[in-house]
C-alpha atoms as a PDB file:
ATOM      1  CA  MET A   1       5.731  48.666 -24.941  1.00  0.00           C
ATOM      2  CA  VAL A   2       3.093  46.469 -26.905  1.00  0.00           C
ATOM      3  CA  LEU A   3      -0.467  46.374 -26.898  1.00  0.00           C
ATOM      4  CA  PHE A   4      -2.498  43.410 -27.311  1.00  0.00           C
ATOM      5  CA  PHE A   5      -6.235  42.802 -28.540  1.00  0.00           C
ATOM      6  CA  THR A   6      -8.271  39.864 -28.401  1.00  0.00           C
ATOM      7  CA  SER A   7     -11.090  38.846 -30.459  1.00  0.00           C
ATOM      8  CA  LYS A   8     -13.589  36.456 -29.618  1.00  0.00           C
ATOM      9  CA  VAL A   9     -15.903  36.501 -32.956  1.00  0.00           C
ATOM     10  CA  PHE A  10     -14.296  33.052 -34.040  1.00  0.00           C
ATOM     11  CA  ASN A  11     -14.218  29.954 -31.708  1.00  0.00           C
ATOM     12  CA  VAL A  12     -10.765  30.247 -30.948  1.00  0.00           C
ATOM     13  CA  CYS A  13      -9.570  33.429 -29.516  1.00  0.00           C
ATOM     14  CA  ALA A  14      -7.253  35.603 -31.731  1.00  0.00           C
ATOM     15  CA  PRO A  15      -4.127  37.768 -30.005  1.00  0.00           C
ATOM     16  CA  LEU A  16      -4.319  41.291 -32.388  1.00  0.00           C
ATOM     17  CA  THR A  17      -1.226  43.119 -31.779  1.00  0.00           C
ATOM     18  CA  PHE A  18      -1.137  46.752 -31.901  1.00  0.00           C
ATOM     19  CA  LEU A  19       2.040  48.821 -32.664  1.00  0.00           C
ATOM     20  CA  THR A  20       2.590  52.120 -33.348  1.00  0.00           C
ATOM     21  CA  THR A  21       5.593  51.132 -35.549  1.00  0.00           C
ATOM     22  CA  ASP A  22       6.517  47.114 -36.496  1.00  0.00           C
ATOM     23  CA  GLU A  23      10.538  47.789 -36.471  1.00  0.00           C
ATOM     24  CA  GLU A  24      10.535  44.751 -34.000  1.00  0.00           C
ATOM     25  CA  LEU A  25       7.775  42.451 -35.456  1.00  0.00           C
ATOM     26  CA  LEU A  26       9.754  42.924 -39.103  1.00  0.00           C
ATOM     27  CA  LYS A  27      12.777  41.432 -37.474  1.00  0.00           C
ATOM     28  CA  PHE A  28      10.853  38.559 -35.706  1.00  0.00           C
ATOM     29  CA  GLY A  29       7.495  38.016 -36.857  1.00  0.00           C
ATOM     30  CA  LEU A  30       5.988  34.611 -37.719  1.00  0.00           C
ATOM     31  CA  PRO A  31       5.558  32.932 -40.555  1.00  0.00           C
ATOM     32  CA  THR A  32       1.746  32.867 -40.080  1.00  0.00           C
ATOM     33  CA  ASP A  33       1.057  36.264 -38.425  1.00  0.00           C
ATOM     34  CA  ILE A  34      -1.054  38.744 -40.870  1.00  0.00           C
ATOM     35  CA  TRP A  35      -0.030  42.331 -40.922  1.00  0.00           C
ATOM     36  CA  PHE A  36      -3.541  44.661 -41.002  1.00  0.00           C
ATOM     37  CA  HIS A  37      -3.069  48.372 -41.836  1.00  0.00           C
ATOM     38  CA  VAL A  38      -5.154  51.541 -42.997  1.00  0.00           C
ATOM     39  CA  ASP A  39      -4.520  52.002 -47.173  1.00  0.00           C
ATOM     40  CA  LYS A  40      -2.522  55.031 -48.202  1.00  0.00           C
ATOM     41  CA  LEU A  41      -2.798  56.641 -44.668  1.00  0.00           C
ATOM     42  CA  SER A  42      -0.878  56.454 -41.366  1.00  0.00           C
ATOM     43  CA  SER A  43      -2.098  54.276 -39.275  1.00  0.00           C
ATOM     44  CA  ALA A  44      -1.482  51.683 -36.429  1.00  0.00           C
ATOM     45  CA  HIS A  45       0.067  48.451 -37.603  1.00  0.00           C
ATOM     46  CA  VAL A  46      -2.043  45.441 -35.847  1.00  0.00           C
ATOM     47  CA  TYR A  47      -0.977  41.813 -36.446  1.00  0.00           C
ATOM     48  CA  LEU A  48      -2.922  38.982 -36.138  1.00  0.00           C
ATOM     49  CA  ARG A  49      -1.055  36.242 -33.930  1.00  0.00           C
ATOM     50  CA  GLN A  50      -2.576  33.135 -35.191  1.00  0.00           C
ATOM     51  CA  PRO A  51      -2.409  29.827 -32.410  1.00  0.00           C
ATOM     52  CA  GLU A  52      -0.672  27.086 -33.234  1.00  0.00           C
ATOM     53  CA  GLY A  53      -2.099  25.150 -36.259  1.00  0.00           C
ATOM     54  CA  GLU A  54      -3.719  28.670 -37.667  1.00  0.00           C
ATOM     55  CA  PRO A  55      -7.127  27.772 -36.746  1.00  0.00           C
ATOM     56  CA  HIS A  56      -8.657  30.522 -38.394  1.00  0.00           C
ATOM     57  CA  GLY A  57      -7.488  29.212 -41.574  1.00  0.00           C
ATOM     58  CA  ALA A  58      -5.260  30.154 -44.535  1.00  0.00           C
ATOM     59  CA  TRP A  59      -4.485  33.953 -44.429  1.00  0.00           C
ATOM     60  CA  ASP A  60      -6.773  34.965 -47.586  1.00  0.00           C
ATOM     61  CA  ALA A  61      -9.695  32.459 -45.817  1.00  0.00           C
ATOM     62  CA  LEU A  62     -10.072  33.976 -42.609  1.00  0.00           C
ATOM     63  CA  PRO A  63     -13.657  34.679 -41.605  1.00  0.00           C
ATOM     64  CA  ALA A  64     -15.090  37.790 -42.510  1.00  0.00           C
ATOM     65  CA  ALA A  65     -16.018  38.889 -39.020  1.00  0.00           C
ATOM     66  CA  LEU A  66     -12.198  38.516 -37.752  1.00  0.00           C
ATOM     67  CA  VAL A  67     -10.562  40.650 -40.366  1.00  0.00           C
ATOM     68  CA  ASN A  68     -13.460  43.039 -39.707  1.00  0.00           C
ATOM     69  CA  ASP A  69     -11.960  42.956 -35.980  1.00  0.00           C
ATOM     70  CA  ALA A  70      -9.018  43.904 -37.402  1.00  0.00           C
ATOM     71  CA  ALA A  71      -9.676  46.896 -39.983  1.00  0.00           C
ATOM     72  CA  GLN A  72     -12.066  48.649 -37.270  1.00  0.00           C
ATOM     73  CA  LEU A  73      -8.455  48.366 -35.085  1.00  0.00           C
ATOM     74  CA  VAL A  74      -6.312  49.973 -37.057  1.00  0.00           C
ATOM     75  CA  LYS A  75      -9.136  52.083 -38.064  1.00  0.00           C
ATOM     76  CA  ALA A  76      -9.607  53.220 -34.690  1.00  0.00           C
ATOM     77  CA  ASN A  77      -6.076  54.193 -34.446  1.00  0.00           C
ATOM     78  CA  SER A  78      -5.668  55.852 -37.414  1.00  0.00           C
ATOM     79  CA  ILE A  79      -5.386  59.735 -37.257  1.00  0.00           C
ATOM     80  CA  GLU A  80      -6.631  60.758 -39.777  1.00  0.00           C
ATOM     81  CA  GLY A  81      -8.538  57.709 -41.121  1.00  0.00           C
ATOM     82  CA  ASN A  82     -10.219  57.325 -37.781  1.00  0.00           C
ATOM     83  CA  LYS A  83     -12.597  60.481 -38.996  1.00  0.00           C
ATOM     84  CA  LYS A  84     -13.407  59.555 -42.570  1.00  0.00           C
ATOM     85  CA  ASP A  85     -15.805  57.166 -43.798  1.00  0.00           C
ATOM     86  CA  ASN A  86     -15.509  54.309 -46.898  1.00  0.00           C
ATOM     87  CA  ILE A  87     -11.684  53.787 -45.930  1.00  0.00           C
ATOM     88  CA  THR A  88      -9.557  50.329 -47.225  1.00  0.00           C
ATOM     89  CA  VAL A  89      -7.703  48.547 -44.753  1.00  0.00           C
ATOM     90  CA  ILE A  90      -5.165  46.287 -46.682  1.00  0.00           C
ATOM     91  CA  TYR A  91      -3.721  42.688 -45.028  1.00  0.00           C
ATOM     92  CA  THR A  92      -0.988  40.552 -46.200  1.00  0.00           C
ATOM     93  CA  PRO A  93       1.088  37.894 -44.896  1.00  0.00           C
ATOM     94  CA  PHE A  94       3.949  38.197 -42.746  1.00  0.00           C
ATOM     95  CA  LEU A  95       6.334  37.323 -45.348  1.00  0.00           C
ATOM     96  CA  ASN A  96       5.150  39.189 -47.566  1.00  0.00           C
ATOM     97  CA  LEU A  97       6.118  42.451 -45.837  1.00  0.00           C
ATOM     98  CA  LYS A  98       9.132  44.465 -47.770  1.00  0.00           C
ATOM     99  CA  LYS A  99      11.786  46.444 -45.566  1.00  0.00           C
ATOM    100  CA  THR A 100      14.929  48.310 -47.115  1.00  0.00           C
ATOM    101  CA  GLY A 101      17.531  50.509 -45.311  1.00  0.00           C
ATOM    102  CA  ASP A 102      16.021  53.810 -47.052  1.00  0.00           C
ATOM    103  CA  MET A 103      12.851  53.358 -45.775  1.00  0.00           C
ATOM    104  CA  ALA A 104      11.739  55.079 -42.963  1.00  0.00           C
ATOM    105  CA  VAL A 105      10.279  53.841 -39.083  1.00  0.00           C
ATOM    106  CA  GLY A 106       7.194  51.976 -39.365  1.00  0.00           C
ATOM    107  CA  GLN A 107       6.928  52.263 -43.523  1.00  0.00           C
ATOM    108  CA  VAL A 108       7.182  48.743 -45.935  1.00  0.00           C
ATOM    109  CA  SER A 109       5.803  48.012 -48.955  1.00  0.00           C
ATOM    110  CA  PHE A 110       5.459  44.137 -50.362  1.00  0.00           C
ATOM    111  CA  HIS A 111       7.004  41.478 -52.557  1.00  0.00           C
ATOM    112  CA  SER A 112       4.014  40.502 -54.118  1.00  0.00           C
ATOM    113  CA  ASP A 113       1.121  42.957 -54.663  1.00  0.00           C
ATOM    114  CA  LYS A 114      -0.975  39.779 -55.515  1.00  0.00           C
ATOM    115  CA  LYS A 115      -0.789  38.458 -51.977  1.00  0.00           C
ATOM    116  CA  VAL A 116      -2.435  42.288 -50.802  1.00  0.00           C
ATOM    117  CA  LYS A 117      -6.052  41.968 -50.101  1.00  0.00           C
ATOM    118  CA  ARG A 118      -8.278  44.995 -49.678  1.00  0.00           C
ATOM    119  CA  VAL A 119     -11.356  45.019 -47.216  1.00  0.00           C
ATOM    120  CA  HIS A 120     -14.150  48.430 -47.087  1.00  0.00           C
ATOM    121  CA  VAL A 121     -14.729  49.805 -43.676  1.00  0.00           C
ATOM    122  CA  SER A 122     -17.514  52.443 -44.462  1.00  0.00           C
ATOM    123  CA  THR A 123     -17.661  53.796 -40.607  1.00  0.00           C
ATOM    124  CA  ARG A 124     -16.492  53.270 -37.411  1.00  0.00           C
ATOM    125  CA  ASP A 125     -18.155  50.956 -35.779  1.00  0.00           C
ATOM    126  CA  ASN A 126     -17.784  51.297 -31.982  1.00  0.00           C
ATOM    127  CA  ALA A 127     -19.539  48.634 -30.460  1.00  0.00           C
ATOM    128  CA  ILE A 128     -16.540  46.614 -32.077  1.00  0.00           C
ATOM    129  CA  VAL A 129     -13.919  48.406 -31.178  1.00  0.00           C
ATOM    130  CA  ASN A 130     -15.160  49.187 -27.509  1.00  0.00           C
ATOM    131  CA  ARG A 131     -14.917  45.261 -27.243  1.00  0.00           C
ATOM    132  CA  LEU A 132     -11.596  45.092 -28.630  1.00  0.00           C
ATOM    133  CA  ASN A 133     -10.534  47.901 -25.813  1.00  0.00           C
ATOM    134  CA  LYS A 134     -11.910  45.923 -23.049  1.00  0.00           C
ATOM    135  CA  THR A 135      -9.447  42.925 -23.938  1.00  0.00           C
ATOM    136  CA  LYS A 136      -6.213  45.313 -24.337  1.00  0.00           C
ATOM    137  CA  THR A 137      -3.158  44.627 -22.312  1.00  0.00           C
ATOM    138  CA  GLU A 138       0.009  46.138 -22.177  1.00  0.00           C
ATOM    139  CA  MET A 139       3.267  44.477 -21.894  1.00  0.00           C
ATOM    140  CA  GLU A 140       7.506  44.437 -22.779  1.00  0.00           C
ATOM    141  CA  VAL A 141       7.937  41.634 -25.470  1.00  0.00           C
ATOM    142  CA  ASP A 142      11.083  39.618 -26.053  1.00  0.00           C
ATOM    143  CA  HIS A 143       9.928  39.443 -29.098  1.00  0.00           C
ATOM    144  CA  GLU A 144      12.691  37.335 -30.799  1.00  0.00           C
ATOM    145  CA  ALA A 145      12.484  34.864 -27.814  1.00  0.00           C
ATOM    146  CA  GLU A 146       8.575  34.758 -28.321  1.00  0.00           C
ATOM    147  CA  ARG A 147       9.699  33.977 -31.994  1.00  0.00           C
ATOM    148  CA  GLN A 148      12.049  31.048 -31.100  1.00  0.00           C
ATOM    149  CA  GLU A 149      10.024  29.462 -28.593  1.00  0.00           C
ATOM    150  CA  ARG A 150       7.004  29.293 -31.475  1.00  0.00           C
ATOM    151  CA  LEU A 151       9.527  28.209 -34.115  1.00  0.00           C
ATOM    152  CA  ARG A 152      10.425  24.755 -32.074  1.00  0.00           C
ATOM    153  CA  ILE A 153       7.088  24.332 -31.290  1.00  0.00           C
ATOM    154  CA  GLU A 154       6.203  24.072 -34.291  1.00  0.00           C
ATOM    155  CA  GLY A 155       9.305  22.361 -35.673  1.00  0.00           C
ATOM    156  CA  ARG A 156       8.391  19.541 -33.435  1.00  0.00           C
ATOM    157  CA  ARG A 157       4.269  19.390 -33.897  1.00  0.00           C
ATOM    158  CA  LYS A 158       5.895  18.782 -37.721  1.00  0.00           C
ATOM    159  CA  LYS A 159       7.951  16.386 -36.863  1.00  0.00           C
ATOM    160  CA  ALA A 160       5.605  14.617 -34.948  1.00  0.00           C
ATOM    161  CA  ASP A 161       3.249  14.490 -37.808  1.00  0.00           C
ATOM    162  CA  ALA A 162       5.581  13.755 -40.206  1.00  0.00           C
ATOM    163  CA  ALA A 163       6.370  10.641 -38.103  1.00  0.00           C
ATOM    164  CA  ASP A 164       2.217  10.217 -37.739  1.00  0.00           C
ATOM    165  CA  ARG A 165       2.127  10.037 -41.751  1.00  0.00           C
ATOM    166  CA  ARG A 166       4.500   7.789 -41.903  1.00  0.00           C
ATOM    167  CA  LYS A 167       3.500   5.200 -39.728  1.00  0.00           C
ATOM    168  CA  THR A 168       0.330   5.954 -41.479  1.00  0.00           C
ATOM    169  CA  GLU A 169       2.192   4.987 -45.067  1.00  0.00           C
ATOM    170  CA  GLU A 170       3.718   2.146 -43.822  1.00  0.00           C
ATOM    171  CA  GLU A 171       0.296   0.238 -42.382  1.00  0.00           C
ATOM    172  CA  GLN A 172      -1.212   1.771 -45.444  1.00  0.00           C
ATOM    173  CA  ARG A 173       1.071  -0.524 -47.437  1.00  0.00           C
ATOM    174  CA  SER A 174       1.145  -3.576 -45.267  1.00  0.00           C
ATOM    175  CA  LYS A 175      -2.548  -3.750 -45.483  1.00  0.00           C
ATOM    176  CA  TRP A 176      -2.195  -4.013 -49.422  1.00  0.00           C
ATOM    177  CA  GLU A 177       0.406  -6.010 -49.771  1.00  0.00           C
ATOM    178  CA  GLU A 178      -1.437  -8.517 -47.293  1.00  0.00           C
ATOM    179  CA  GLU A 179      -4.684  -8.090 -49.683  1.00  0.00           C
ATOM    180  CA  LYS A 180      -2.450  -8.929 -52.587  1.00  0.00           C
ATOM    181  CA  LYS A 181      -1.324 -12.133 -51.176  1.00  0.00           C
ATOM    182  CA  GLN A 182      -4.187 -12.848 -50.260  1.00  0.00           C
ATOM    183  CA  ARG A 183      -6.133 -12.516 -53.599  1.00  0.00           C
ATOM    184  CA  THR A 184      -2.877 -14.253 -55.182  1.00  0.00           C
ATOM    185  CA  TYR A 185      -3.437 -17.191 -52.508  1.00  0.00           C
ATOM    186  CA  ASP A 186      -7.171 -17.443 -53.235  1.00  0.00           C
ATOM    187  CA  GLY A 187      -6.842 -17.468 -57.114  1.00  0.00           C
ATOM    188  CA  MET A 188      -4.594 -20.626 -55.996  1.00  0.00           C
ATOM    189  CA  PHE A 189      -7.382 -22.755 -54.493  1.00  0.00           C
ATOM    190  CA  THR A 190     -10.279 -22.150 -57.079  1.00  0.00           C
ATOM    191  CA  GLU A 191     -11.773 -24.981 -58.465  1.00  0.00           C
ATOM    192  CA  ASP A 192     -10.973 -23.866 -61.638  1.00  0.00           C
ATOM    193  CA  ALA A 193      -7.387 -23.476 -61.165  1.00  0.00           C
ATOM    194  CA  ILE A 194      -7.774 -27.677 -59.250  1.00  0.00           C
ATOM    195  CA  ASP A 195      -9.506 -28.410 -62.541  1.00  0.00           C
ATOM    196  CA  GLY A 196      -6.505 -27.276 -64.334  1.00  0.00           C
ATOM    197  CA  ALA A 197      -3.875 -28.754 -62.390  1.00  0.00           C
ATOM    198  CA  ARG A 198      -5.267 -32.006 -62.686  1.00  0.00           C
ATOM    199  CA  ASP A 199      -5.349 -31.793 -67.055  1.00  0.00           C
ATOM    200  CA  ASP A 200      -1.989 -30.920 -66.471  1.00  0.00           C
ATOM    201  CA  TRP A 201      -0.760 -33.780 -64.045  1.00  0.00           C
ATOM    202  CA  SER A 202      -0.417 -37.620 -65.974  1.00  0.00           C
ATOM    203  CA  ASP A 203       0.008 -40.644 -64.641  1.00  0.00           C
ATOM    204  CA  ASP A 204       3.343 -40.901 -66.567  1.00  0.00           C
ATOM    205  CA  ASP A 205       4.555 -38.201 -64.748  1.00  0.00           C
ATOM    206  CA  PHE A 206       4.806 -40.798 -61.954  1.00  0.00           C
ATOM    207  CA  MET A 207       6.018 -43.659 -63.230  1.00  0.00           C
END
């Protein structure tokens, strides 16, 4: 069972997926998912699932208000972190999460520490937590099927984008060739070009 929350601090709703452990999403997460957790403390794992096309931007350029929503959610769902002030929440792209066979359930590390960002949370913000809790829904999710469907959609989008780029490039190439041809024709019929051609002609050429 998975809990879903929705942040509405940005123009497009941002689904925040709450899990007590993240074993399923570690297998079937999406490349555009972003993982949040309280640093050095036990907490829920929260995944920001971006709508198609990453409307919120790259993982390291997310709106501060959206990051704060996710940070408040993981803090509120950390037994120890919820009682403390001045904690740190870490977040990273899903593809940077590393899971090995000797790790405990819910434990992860990172392929690259350079792709981990940190945000300071001074205290719990009840207004944010209450707003998010009002959007909470609980449901069973077939993560594998959801991932495959999303990948199919994104595959079709990328194929369509590539076709549009090829069409644009072909149209631009045709335009350049036409302009080049026109410049050549214009040069052929200038007054200087005609006078030069006359100088090359002589009556002897027609004898």
